[in-house]
N, C-alpha and C. Protein backbone atom coordinates (compact mmCIF):
# COMPACT_ATOMS: atom_id res chain seq x y z
N MET A 1 90.02 109.09 95.58
CA MET A 1 91.10 107.28 95.58
C MET A 1 90.69 106.94 94.22
N ALA A 2 90.83 107.12 93.38
CA ALA A 2 91.43 106.65 91.64
C ALA A 2 90.43 105.15 91.18
N SER A 3 89.31 104.64 91.44
CA SER A 3 88.97 103.31 91.42
C SER A 3 90.33 102.54 90.99
N ARG A 4 91.60 103.16 89.98
CA ARG A 4 92.24 102.01 89.84
C ARG A 4 93.84 102.04 90.87
N ASN A 5 93.87 102.85 91.70
CA ASN A 5 94.12 103.11 93.18
C ASN A 5 93.30 102.02 94.05
N ASN A 6 92.49 101.93 94.03
CA ASN A 6 91.21 101.39 95.47
C ASN A 6 91.54 99.75 94.54
N SER A 7 91.82 99.64 93.24
CA SER A 7 91.50 97.58 93.21
C SER A 7 93.02 97.84 93.00
N ASP A 8 94.15 97.99 93.04
CA ASP A 8 95.26 97.52 93.89
C ASP A 8 95.39 97.63 94.83
N PHE A 9 95.23 98.32 95.85
CA PHE A 9 94.58 98.57 97.66
C PHE A 9 93.57 97.20 97.24
N SER A 10 92.66 97.02 97.53
CA SER A 10 91.99 96.11 97.74
C SER A 10 92.66 94.85 97.46
N GLU A 11 93.14 94.55 96.07
CA GLU A 11 94.00 93.16 95.92
C GLU A 11 95.06 92.93 96.99
N LYS A 12 95.50 93.83 97.25
CA LYS A 12 96.65 93.80 98.60
C LYS A 12 96.14 93.20 100.25
N HIS A 13 94.50 94.12 100.41
CA HIS A 13 94.46 94.10 101.66
C HIS A 13 92.66 93.14 101.96
N LYS A 14 92.58 92.47 100.49
CA LYS A 14 91.09 91.97 101.25
C LYS A 14 91.15 90.86 102.23
N HIS A 15 92.35 89.77 102.48
CA HIS A 15 91.90 89.02 102.94
C HIS A 15 92.65 89.27 104.46
N LYS A 16 92.50 90.68 104.18
CA LYS A 16 92.79 91.03 106.07
C LYS A 16 91.55 90.87 106.47
N TYR A 17 91.59 90.91 108.48
CA TYR A 17 90.26 91.40 109.00
C TYR A 17 90.38 92.26 108.92
N GLY A 18 91.05 93.67 108.89
CA GLY A 18 90.82 95.00 109.50
C GLY A 18 90.47 95.64 108.27
N PHE A 19 89.61 95.59 106.87
CA PHE A 19 89.09 95.83 105.87
C PHE A 19 87.76 95.62 106.09
N VAL A 20 86.50 96.24 105.34
CA VAL A 20 85.30 95.62 105.17
C VAL A 20 84.89 96.40 103.98
N GLU A 21 84.22 95.67 103.02
CA GLU A 21 83.85 96.19 101.89
C GLU A 21 82.37 97.19 102.32
N ILE A 22 82.67 97.98 100.97
CA ILE A 22 81.22 99.14 100.94
C ILE A 22 81.13 99.32 99.98
N GLU A 23 79.91 99.55 99.79
CA GLU A 23 78.78 99.92 98.15
C GLU A 23 79.96 101.02 98.24
N ASN A 24 79.72 101.63 96.69
CA ASN A 24 80.42 102.68 95.71
C ASN A 24 79.23 103.30 95.29
N PRO A 25 79.34 104.43 95.74
CA PRO A 25 77.92 105.39 95.80
C PRO A 25 77.95 105.56 94.33
N GLU A 26 79.54 105.62 93.60
CA GLU A 26 79.77 106.34 92.53
C GLU A 26 79.80 105.23 91.55
N SER A 27 78.88 104.11 91.78
CA SER A 27 79.33 103.24 90.74
C SER A 27 77.76 103.41 90.24
N ASP A 28 76.71 103.60 90.56
CA ASP A 28 75.12 104.22 90.36
C ASP A 28 75.94 104.75 88.53
N PHE A 29 77.05 105.78 89.10
CA PHE A 29 77.03 106.87 87.68
C PHE A 29 78.24 106.49 87.05
N ASP A 30 79.10 105.83 87.38
CA ASP A 30 80.07 105.22 86.22
C ASP A 30 80.40 104.13 86.51
N PHE A 31 80.24 103.51 84.93
CA PHE A 31 80.11 101.87 85.05
C PHE A 31 81.87 100.93 85.01
N ASN A 32 82.40 102.27 85.01
CA ASN A 32 83.63 102.27 85.19
C ASN A 32 84.05 101.38 86.58
N ALA A 33 83.57 102.21 87.64
CA ALA A 33 83.83 102.37 89.15
C ALA A 33 83.54 101.05 89.27
N PRO A 34 84.43 100.12 90.29
CA PRO A 34 83.94 99.76 90.71
C PRO A 34 82.97 99.07 91.77
N GLU A 35 82.02 98.49 91.93
CA GLU A 35 80.74 98.18 92.78
C GLU A 35 80.92 98.10 93.81
N TYR A 36 82.16 97.49 94.72
CA TYR A 36 82.67 97.82 96.26
C TYR A 36 83.89 98.82 96.05
N LEU A 37 83.89 98.76 97.92
CA LEU A 37 85.52 99.80 97.89
C LEU A 37 85.27 98.89 99.30
N LEU A 38 86.71 99.16 99.37
CA LEU A 38 87.07 98.42 100.32
C LEU A 38 87.93 99.53 101.61
N ARG A 39 87.46 99.85 102.74
CA ARG A 39 87.52 100.51 103.69
C ARG A 39 88.01 100.17 105.10
N LYS A 40 89.15 101.20 106.02
CA LYS A 40 89.97 100.36 106.96
C LYS A 40 88.42 100.29 108.43
N ALA A 41 88.13 99.37 108.89
CA ALA A 41 87.06 99.46 109.85
C ALA A 41 87.37 100.25 110.75
N THR A 42 86.39 100.91 111.94
CA THR A 42 86.10 101.84 112.76
C THR A 42 86.90 101.12 113.70
N PRO A 43 88.02 101.43 114.13
CA PRO A 43 87.76 101.06 115.89
C PRO A 43 87.27 100.00 116.93
N GLU A 44 86.01 100.46 116.61
CA GLU A 44 84.71 100.22 117.28
C GLU A 44 84.58 98.40 116.33
N GLN A 45 84.82 98.62 115.20
CA GLN A 45 84.50 97.14 114.13
C GLN A 45 85.79 96.53 114.34
N ARG A 46 86.74 96.86 114.84
CA ARG A 46 88.63 96.62 114.84
C ARG A 46 87.92 95.26 115.99
N ARG A 47 87.75 95.85 117.40
CA ARG A 47 87.59 95.87 118.46
C ARG A 47 87.16 93.98 118.46
N ILE A 48 85.62 94.31 117.45
CA ILE A 48 84.75 93.39 117.99
C ILE A 48 85.33 92.01 116.87
N MET A 49 85.66 92.67 115.76
CA MET A 49 86.58 91.59 115.37
C MET A 49 88.07 90.84 115.86
N LEU A 50 88.56 91.68 116.71
CA LEU A 50 89.92 91.11 117.24
C LEU A 50 88.76 90.28 118.64
N ILE A 51 87.98 90.50 119.41
CA ILE A 51 87.50 90.02 120.03
C ILE A 51 86.67 88.31 119.61
N ASN A 52 86.67 88.52 118.31
CA ASN A 52 85.91 87.60 117.98
C ASN A 52 87.26 86.65 117.49
N LYS A 53 87.92 86.81 116.12
CA LYS A 53 89.05 85.91 116.42
C LYS A 53 90.33 85.57 117.16
N ILE A 54 89.91 85.98 118.61
CA ILE A 54 90.57 85.49 119.20
C ILE A 54 89.29 84.86 120.32
N ALA A 55 88.78 84.78 120.31
CA ALA A 55 87.60 83.38 120.94
C ALA A 55 87.11 82.69 120.07
N ASP A 56 87.23 82.16 118.37
CA ASP A 56 87.31 81.31 117.59
C ASP A 56 87.65 80.12 117.68
N GLU A 57 89.33 81.47 118.12
CA GLU A 57 91.09 80.53 118.50
C GLU A 57 91.36 80.86 119.46
N LYS A 58 90.48 80.45 120.48
CA LYS A 58 90.62 80.07 121.53
C LYS A 58 92.19 80.01 122.52
N HIS A 59 92.46 78.91 122.17
CA HIS A 59 93.80 77.90 122.64
C HIS A 59 94.41 78.30 121.79
N HIS A 60 94.60 79.42 120.65
CA HIS A 60 95.75 79.68 119.61
C HIS A 60 96.93 81.11 120.62
N VAL A 61 97.71 81.20 120.71
CA VAL A 61 99.04 81.89 120.79
C VAL A 61 99.36 82.52 120.25
N PHE A 62 99.11 83.91 119.80
CA PHE A 62 98.70 84.89 118.79
C PHE A 62 99.97 86.06 119.54
N SER A 63 100.60 86.52 118.56
CA SER A 63 101.44 88.00 118.46
C SER A 63 101.44 88.80 118.51
N ILE A 64 101.49 89.93 119.11
CA ILE A 64 101.22 90.95 118.59
C ILE A 64 101.09 91.24 117.16
N ALA A 65 102.58 91.03 116.46
CA ALA A 65 103.03 91.32 115.40
C ALA A 65 101.68 90.73 114.59
N TYR A 66 101.50 89.30 114.32
CA TYR A 66 100.39 88.80 112.97
C TYR A 66 99.31 89.41 113.80
N LEU A 67 99.08 89.62 114.69
CA LEU A 67 97.76 90.58 114.77
C LEU A 67 97.67 91.52 114.25
N ALA A 68 98.38 92.54 114.44
CA ALA A 68 98.77 93.95 113.89
C ALA A 68 98.81 93.74 112.25
N ASP A 69 99.54 93.01 112.08
CA ASP A 69 99.34 92.04 110.48
C ASP A 69 97.90 91.87 109.90
N ILE A 70 97.39 91.18 110.10
CA ILE A 70 95.87 90.12 109.46
C ILE A 70 95.34 91.76 109.54
N PHE A 71 95.36 92.46 110.77
CA PHE A 71 94.31 93.90 111.25
C PHE A 71 94.69 94.86 110.29
N ALA A 72 95.66 94.49 109.73
CA ALA A 72 97.18 96.07 109.20
C ALA A 72 96.70 97.26 109.73
N VAL A 73 97.48 97.31 110.69
CA VAL A 73 97.14 98.54 111.78
C VAL A 73 99.36 97.86 112.56
N SER A 74 98.98 98.68 113.09
CA SER A 74 99.99 99.35 113.56
C SER A 74 100.76 97.89 115.05
N GLU A 75 101.63 97.10 115.51
CA GLU A 75 101.53 96.57 116.55
C GLU A 75 100.96 97.54 118.43
N ARG A 76 101.49 98.81 118.19
CA ARG A 76 100.72 99.97 119.15
C ARG A 76 99.04 99.48 118.85
N THR A 77 98.66 99.82 117.85
CA THR A 77 97.00 100.08 117.78
C THR A 77 96.76 99.15 118.67
N ILE A 78 96.89 97.99 118.21
CA ILE A 78 96.76 96.18 118.42
C ILE A 78 97.08 95.85 120.17
N GLN A 79 97.80 96.86 120.51
CA GLN A 79 98.38 96.97 122.10
C GLN A 79 97.56 97.78 123.39
N THR A 80 97.13 98.69 122.00
CA THR A 80 96.45 99.65 123.46
C THR A 80 94.80 99.42 122.37
N ASP A 81 94.13 98.79 122.00
CA ASP A 81 93.32 97.98 121.49
C ASP A 81 92.82 96.35 122.71
N LEU A 82 94.18 95.81 123.19
CA LEU A 82 93.93 94.86 124.24
C LEU A 82 93.53 95.52 125.62
N LYS A 83 94.65 96.48 125.61
CA LYS A 83 94.54 97.37 127.17
C LYS A 83 93.03 97.36 126.77
N LEU A 84 92.11 98.24 126.24
CA LEU A 84 91.35 98.86 126.43
C LEU A 84 90.22 97.60 126.80
N LEU A 85 90.61 96.39 125.89
CA LEU A 85 89.30 94.79 126.07
C LEU A 85 89.93 94.37 127.35
N SER A 86 90.84 94.49 127.76
CA SER A 86 91.10 94.02 129.25
C SER A 86 90.46 95.16 130.20
N GLY A 87 90.36 96.53 130.54
CA GLY A 87 89.98 97.47 130.82
C GLY A 87 88.86 96.64 131.27
N ILE A 88 87.88 96.55 130.15
CA ILE A 88 86.62 96.40 130.13
C ILE A 88 86.05 95.24 130.56
N ASN A 89 87.05 94.71 131.20
CA ASN A 89 87.00 92.66 130.82
C ASN A 89 86.02 91.97 129.77
N SER A 90 86.89 92.39 128.65
CA SER A 90 85.91 91.90 127.81
C SER A 90 87.11 90.54 126.87
N ALA A 91 87.86 90.52 127.46
CA ALA A 91 89.05 89.31 127.52
C ALA A 91 89.94 89.79 128.75
N ASN A 92 91.02 88.38 128.55
CA ASN A 92 91.39 88.67 129.42
C ASN A 92 93.10 87.94 128.62
N PHE A 93 94.09 88.76 128.83
CA PHE A 93 94.94 88.45 127.82
C PHE A 93 96.25 88.22 129.00
N LYS A 94 97.19 87.58 128.82
CA LYS A 94 97.95 86.85 129.26
C LYS A 94 99.86 87.28 128.32
N PRO A 95 100.94 87.53 128.67
CA PRO A 95 101.63 87.47 127.78
C PRO A 95 101.91 85.83 127.78
N LYS A 96 103.24 85.63 126.89
CA LYS A 96 103.75 84.84 126.38
C LYS A 96 105.05 84.66 127.56
N GLN A 97 104.24 83.48 128.22
CA GLN A 97 105.70 82.83 128.97
C GLN A 97 107.58 81.88 128.46
């Protein structure tokens, strides 16, 4: 990905939880390259961030759409993550009534 495209991508997603910054190995050789790149979190990283988000705001009710937006994934991915986390007793989720 070209640095210009990555900058546009970074600006759009930099405040979302579903992304992590990594050092750009090309920045040592190309002074025009950004020092850090933004990439999507691995599924394991995302699930840890999801647990932390829910634990930090345990009295808050989250919609699937909201979680999907802040983690920059589909609603189906969030549903799958929540089902997996429920299955390993990492979390207990109840549908909104």
